[in-house]
Amino acid sequence: MVTRTAVAALATCAALLTATGCSSSFGDDKEPEQAKTGKQKLTVLIATSGDAETQAVKTAAAAYAKKSGNTVTVEVAKDMNQQLAQSFAGHKPPDVFYVNSDQFANYAKGGSLYPYGDQISDAGDFSEQLRTSFSYDGKLVCLPKDTSTLGLAINSDLWEKAGLTEKDYPKTWKDLETVADKLTGDGVTGLVTSDEYQRLGVFMKQAGGWVTDADQKKMTADTPENAEGLTFVQSLLKSGSMKFAKQVDTSWGGEALGKGKAAMTIEGNWLDGGMKLDYPDVKYAIAPLPAGPAGQGTLAFSTCWGVAADSAHREASVDLVKSLTTADQQIKFAEGFGVMPSRTSALKTYAEQQPAAKAWVDGSAYAQGPVTIAGFDKVLSQFNTDLQSLRTADPKKILADLQRNGEQAIAKGN
């Protein structure tokens, strides 16, 4: 019989799991009974980018089911974080599910994830940066399903119309400033991107800074390097040669590029699928992001295949994940919906097959991974809110606030 206290605690857990890492095993330290024999029924929950991704995952799951004899049902989440929080709190989670890097530490700290990394004999085929993004307490918890980096996307027709050639692709911040100014006019803005750290953070990295140290134990936000990066962005915004996507009545950089409102944008390899779907006639090229005072810099993004700690089918779930992350399957996913493989071996094959994605692929070698500290998603959400006013705000004040908020989160999260 469930007590009133337990009910209240579970309700609180469901509401706060994504922010606090509330444990999915409240009041119960018993291991879930595991199904050992016979055909097993597995459920997979994904947050899809569209029909192409949904179909690709369903096809891969069906292939595994046919080979293994297990049944696999793929469901598409309407609100991934909310649905996972509720399922963890109710002890009825999907067996396998997408885990975004910004929520990973919350779930890992709360004990909601089954750490199966030590069961992957060839885990070394995933880059150190990706393995680090999905490790907790020094252990690899889940395998990254793919990877993405940021590059400079250029509208080829607008570029040529301005009298520019491939030789003019910006190599430095000064070059970027020059071409952005030249491309601005007649309803076109030289550079348009989102008003969030997931894009603007590249300038912090290129200046030699970042949000935390490599071990994510110490905040490094309030530094001259980061201030230099944001101040450069501010200078472009003030000149008018750079605008945020909403300032040109678009929702993201890809839309601005496709509609001809932006000559350049900063986006990841998911841009390819979006352009093919919405703007198939728009020609564009991808160049490496210009180097800053400290050299080249880009950001890496990924999602891992989580296995629920409360699953009664953990062994079969790990077996499914192994099937979904083979090199061959990752190439099929890349072909199906535009992601880059997370396996180094598969990424090499992808690069050979997709020469136009070279800048994105090359960026994997020097990309900065995300901050994965429990509760840090709130910190970054506030940082993004502050960045919206970067054109007129004091970059040092924004960074000082980030420093303070981050130090509080680290104290709670580690």
Foldseek 3Di string as FASTA:
>chain_A
DDDPVLVVLLVVQLVCLQQALAALQPPHPDFAAADDDDAEEAEEEEADPDDLLVVLVVVLQVVVCVVPVHHYHYDYDPDVSNVQSNCSSVLNHGQKYKFWLQRLLSNVSNQFFAAPQVVDPVLVLFDPQQQVSQDDPRGRRFAWLFKKKKWKKFQVVLCVVLVHDPVLPAQELVSLLVQLVSSDDPLAAAEEFALACLFLVQLLVLLPHHQAPPVLLAGGLLDPSNLVSLVSVLVCVLVRNYDYQVVSPHDGDLVCSLVRRYRIYMDMQLSVQVCCVPRVPTDMATDGDHHYPNGGEMAMTTIGITGTSSDSHNVVSVVSRVSSQDLVNSLSSCVRRNTAHSRNVSNVVVCVVCVRCVNTSVNVVHYHYDNRFRSCVVLSVVLSVVSVPSNPDRSSVSSVSSNVVSNVRSVSRD
